[in-house]
C-alpha atoms as a PDB file:
ATOM      1  CA  MET A   1      13.467 -11.070 -26.038  1.00  0.00           C
ATOM      2  CA  THR A   2      11.928  -9.250 -23.084  1.00  0.00           C
ATOM      3  CA  LYS A   3      13.372  -6.030 -21.790  1.00  0.00           C
ATOM      4  CA  GLU A   4      14.258  -6.231 -18.095  1.00  0.00           C
ATOM      5  CA  LYS A   5      13.578  -3.262 -15.860  1.00  0.00           C
ATOM      6  CA  VAL A   6      16.670  -1.969 -14.128  1.00  0.00           C
ATOM      7  CA  SER A   7      16.327  -1.232 -10.404  1.00  0.00           C
ATOM      8  CA  PHE A   8      18.531   1.426  -8.863  1.00  0.00           C
ATOM      9  CA  LEU A   9      17.353   0.790  -5.288  1.00  0.00           C
ATOM     10  CA  ASN A  10      20.562  -0.997  -4.197  1.00  0.00           C
ATOM     11  CA  GLU A  11      22.524   2.058  -5.297  1.00  0.00           C
ATOM     12  CA  HIS A  12      20.570   4.172  -2.765  1.00  0.00           C
ATOM     13  CA  ILE A  13      20.550   1.867   0.270  1.00  0.00           C
ATOM     14  CA  PRO A  14      23.871   3.043   1.791  1.00  0.00           C
ATOM     15  CA  TYR A  15      22.588   6.649   1.769  1.00  0.00           C
ATOM     16  CA  ILE A  16      19.216   6.004   3.430  1.00  0.00           C
ATOM     17  CA  ASN A  17      19.165   6.226   7.226  1.00  0.00           C
ATOM     18  CA  ASP A  18      17.303   7.267  10.383  1.00  0.00           C
ATOM     19  CA  PRO A  19      13.821   5.918   9.571  1.00  0.00           C
ATOM     20  CA  VAL A  20      11.068   7.428  11.754  1.00  0.00           C
ATOM     21  CA  PHE A  21       7.453   6.284  11.665  1.00  0.00           C
ATOM     22  CA  VAL A  22       5.115   9.131  10.705  1.00  0.00           C
ATOM     23  CA  GLU A  23       1.500   9.719   9.820  1.00  0.00           C
ATOM     24  CA  LEU A  24       0.608  10.683   6.278  1.00  0.00           C
ATOM     25  CA  LYS A  25      -0.686  14.067   7.449  1.00  0.00           C
ATOM     26  CA  ASN A  26       2.882  14.943   8.545  1.00  0.00           C
ATOM     27  CA  ILE A  27       4.475  14.230   5.154  1.00  0.00           C
ATOM     28  CA  VAL A  28       5.300  17.198   2.918  1.00  0.00           C
ATOM     29  CA  PRO A  29       6.566  17.529  -0.655  1.00  0.00           C
ATOM     30  CA  SER A  30      10.283  16.686  -0.972  1.00  0.00           C
ATOM     31  CA  ASP A  31      10.185  14.245   1.973  1.00  0.00           C
ATOM     32  CA  ILE A  32      11.820  10.920   1.316  1.00  0.00           C
ATOM     33  CA  VAL A  33       9.758   8.067   2.686  1.00  0.00           C
ATOM     34  CA  GLN A  34       9.634   4.309   2.812  1.00  0.00           C
ATOM     35  CA  PHE A  35       6.494   2.244   3.174  1.00  0.00           C
ATOM     36  CA  SER A  36       4.979  -1.133   2.517  1.00  0.00           C
ATOM     37  CA  TYR A  37       2.670  -1.215  -0.482  1.00  0.00           C
ATOM     38  CA  HIS A  38       0.954  -4.457  -1.460  1.00  0.00           C
ATOM     39  CA  GLY A  39       3.710  -6.366   0.350  1.00  0.00           C
ATOM     40  CA  ASP A  40       6.569  -4.545  -1.360  1.00  0.00           C
ATOM     41  CA  LEU A  41       8.923  -2.000   0.255  1.00  0.00           C
ATOM     42  CA  LYS A  42       8.845   1.332  -1.579  1.00  0.00           C
ATOM     43  CA  THR A  43      11.318   4.199  -1.251  1.00  0.00           C
ATOM     44  CA  VAL A  44      10.172   7.427  -2.865  1.00  0.00           C
ATOM     45  CA  LEU A  45      10.656  11.164  -3.081  1.00  0.00           C
ATOM     46  CA  VAL A  46       7.254  12.703  -2.338  1.00  0.00           C
ATOM     47  CA  LEU A  47       5.886  15.239  -4.797  1.00  0.00           C
ATOM     48  CA  ASN A  48       2.427  15.467  -3.230  1.00  0.00           C
ATOM     49  CA  PRO A  49       1.567  13.366  -0.172  1.00  0.00           C
ATOM     50  CA  ARG A  50      -2.150  13.291  -0.817  1.00  0.00           C
ATOM     51  CA  TRP A  51      -3.944  14.443  -3.925  1.00  0.00           C
ATOM     52  CA  HIS A  52      -7.177  12.697  -4.881  1.00  0.00           C
ATOM     53  CA  ASP A  53      -6.381  10.071  -2.220  1.00  0.00           C
ATOM     54  CA  LYS A  54      -3.071   9.190  -3.863  1.00  0.00           C
ATOM     55  CA  MET A  55       0.521   9.905  -2.960  1.00  0.00           C
ATOM     56  CA  HIS A  56       2.412  11.249  -5.975  1.00  0.00           C
ATOM     57  CA  ALA A  57       6.111  10.460  -5.894  1.00  0.00           C
ATOM     58  CA  LEU A  58       9.310   9.548  -7.718  1.00  0.00           C
ATOM     59  CA  SER A  59      10.470   5.979  -7.234  1.00  0.00           C
ATOM     60  CA  PHE A  60      14.043   5.414  -6.142  1.00  0.00           C
ATOM     61  CA  ARG A  61      13.941   2.132  -8.049  1.00  0.00           C
ATOM     62  CA  ALA A  62      13.600   4.006 -11.326  1.00  0.00           C
ATOM     63  CA  MET A  63      16.170   6.761 -10.752  1.00  0.00           C
ATOM     64  CA  PRO A  64      19.930   6.427 -10.333  1.00  0.00           C
ATOM     65  CA  ARG A  65      21.599   8.208  -7.429  1.00  0.00           C
ATOM     66  CA  ASN A  66      22.945  11.080  -9.527  1.00  0.00           C
ATOM     67  CA  GLU A  67      19.411  11.893 -10.769  1.00  0.00           C
ATOM     68  CA  ILE A  68      17.942  11.810  -7.247  1.00  0.00           C
ATOM     69  CA  LYS A  69      20.780  13.983  -5.980  1.00  0.00           C
ATOM     70  CA  GLU A  70      20.319  16.480  -8.818  1.00  0.00           C
ATOM     71  CA  PHE A  71      16.532  16.511  -8.422  1.00  0.00           C
ATOM     72  CA  ILE A  72      16.677  17.154  -4.666  1.00  0.00           C
ATOM     73  CA  THR A  73      19.355  19.835  -4.975  1.00  0.00           C
ATOM     74  CA  GLU A  74      17.568  21.708  -7.771  1.00  0.00           C
ATOM     75  CA  SER A  75      14.122  21.418  -6.181  1.00  0.00           C
ATOM     76  CA  ARG A  76      15.246  23.275  -3.067  1.00  0.00           C
ATOM     77  CA  THR A  77      15.917  26.442  -5.049  1.00  0.00           C
ATOM     78  CA  ALA A  78      12.950  26.458  -7.438  1.00  0.00           C
ATOM     79  CA  ASP A  79       9.239  27.167  -7.528  1.00  0.00           C
ATOM     80  CA  GLN A  80       8.045  23.678  -6.561  1.00  0.00           C
ATOM     81  CA  LEU A  81       5.073  23.241  -8.884  1.00  0.00           C
ATOM     82  CA  LYS A  82       6.787  24.635 -11.983  1.00  0.00           C
ATOM     83  CA  PHE A  83       9.937  22.701 -11.195  1.00  0.00           C
ATOM     84  CA  TYR A  84       8.162  19.346 -10.822  1.00  0.00           C
ATOM     85  CA  HIS A  85       6.190  19.794 -14.032  1.00  0.00           C
ATOM     86  CA  ARG A  86       9.252  20.838 -16.021  1.00  0.00           C
ATOM     87  CA  LYS A  87      11.409  18.003 -14.699  1.00  0.00           C
ATOM     88  CA  LEU A  88       8.725  15.345 -15.032  1.00  0.00           C
ATOM     89  CA  GLU A  89       7.836  16.377 -18.555  1.00  0.00           C
ATOM     90  CA  HIS A  90      11.410  16.235 -19.765  1.00  0.00           C
ATOM     91  CA  ASN A  91      13.174  13.277 -18.269  1.00  0.00           C
ATOM     92  CA  ARG A  92      11.732  11.861 -15.046  1.00  0.00           C
ATOM     93  CA  ARG A  93       8.359  10.565 -16.197  1.00  0.00           C
ATOM     94  CA  HIS A  94       9.694   6.980 -16.040  1.00  0.00           C
ATOM     95  CA  ALA A  95      10.075   7.359 -12.241  1.00  0.00           C
ATOM     96  CA  TYR A  96       6.703   8.987 -11.525  1.00  0.00           C
ATOM     97  CA  ARG A  97       4.331   6.833  -9.467  1.00  0.00           C
ATOM     98  CA  THR A  98       1.047   7.197  -7.627  1.00  0.00           C
ATOM     99  CA  TYR A  99       0.056   5.124  -4.601  1.00  0.00           C
ATOM    100  CA  ASN A 100      -3.415   4.751  -3.092  1.00  0.00           C
ATOM    101  CA  VAL A 101      -2.977   6.190   0.391  1.00  0.00           C
ATOM    102  CA  LYS A 102      -5.310   3.602   1.929  1.00  0.00           C
ATOM    103  CA  ASP A 103      -2.853   0.874   0.845  1.00  0.00           C
ATOM    104  CA  ILE A 104       0.262   2.535   2.331  1.00  0.00           C
ATOM    105  CA  LEU A 105       1.442   0.752   5.485  1.00  0.00           C
ATOM    106  CA  PHE A 106       4.329   1.337   7.909  1.00  0.00           C
ATOM    107  CA  LEU A 107       5.105   4.824   6.584  1.00  0.00           C
ATOM    108  CA  ARG A 108       8.559   6.076   7.614  1.00  0.00           C
ATOM    109  CA  ARG A 109      10.338   9.324   6.809  1.00  0.00           C
ATOM    110  CA  VAL A 110      14.027   8.720   6.134  1.00  0.00           C
ATOM    111  CA  LYS A 111      17.081  10.872   5.737  1.00  0.00           C
ATOM    112  CA  TYR A 112      18.971  10.620   2.476  1.00  0.00           C
ATOM    113  CA  ASP A 113      22.622  11.563   2.439  1.00  0.00           C
ATOM    114  CA  TYR A 114      22.650  13.102  -1.022  1.00  0.00           C
ATOM    115  CA  ILE A 115      25.648  15.296  -0.198  1.00  0.00           C
ATOM    116  CA  LEU A 116      28.009  12.405   0.532  1.00  0.00           C
ATOM    117  CA  SER A 117      30.425  12.122  -2.366  1.00  0.00           C
ATOM    118  CA  TYR A 118      30.623   8.982  -4.442  1.00  0.00           C
END
């Protein structure tokens, strides 16, 4: 029996809005972006937009809404580097992804309504 991967992306769609095309150089940590990557639409929370020619991010497909909401809220009040390492080491490693920046197409910054109640 194979274990199916659960995708949480549909849970996030109603809260994602106002996409604006941007260049990679204008992306900063904690931005939420969408882009095409090898023909697949990705929605991620950026940890580092470009380190060793890769974007480091948390995939919305791998994190339920409550985790994204908690992560964004907590990250705004913490030392970024220490916070990311602590959170990734404990319980978010499953959502951590890297993307070759040369393969990122149609990059858009989006707004995420993480305050809206359930």
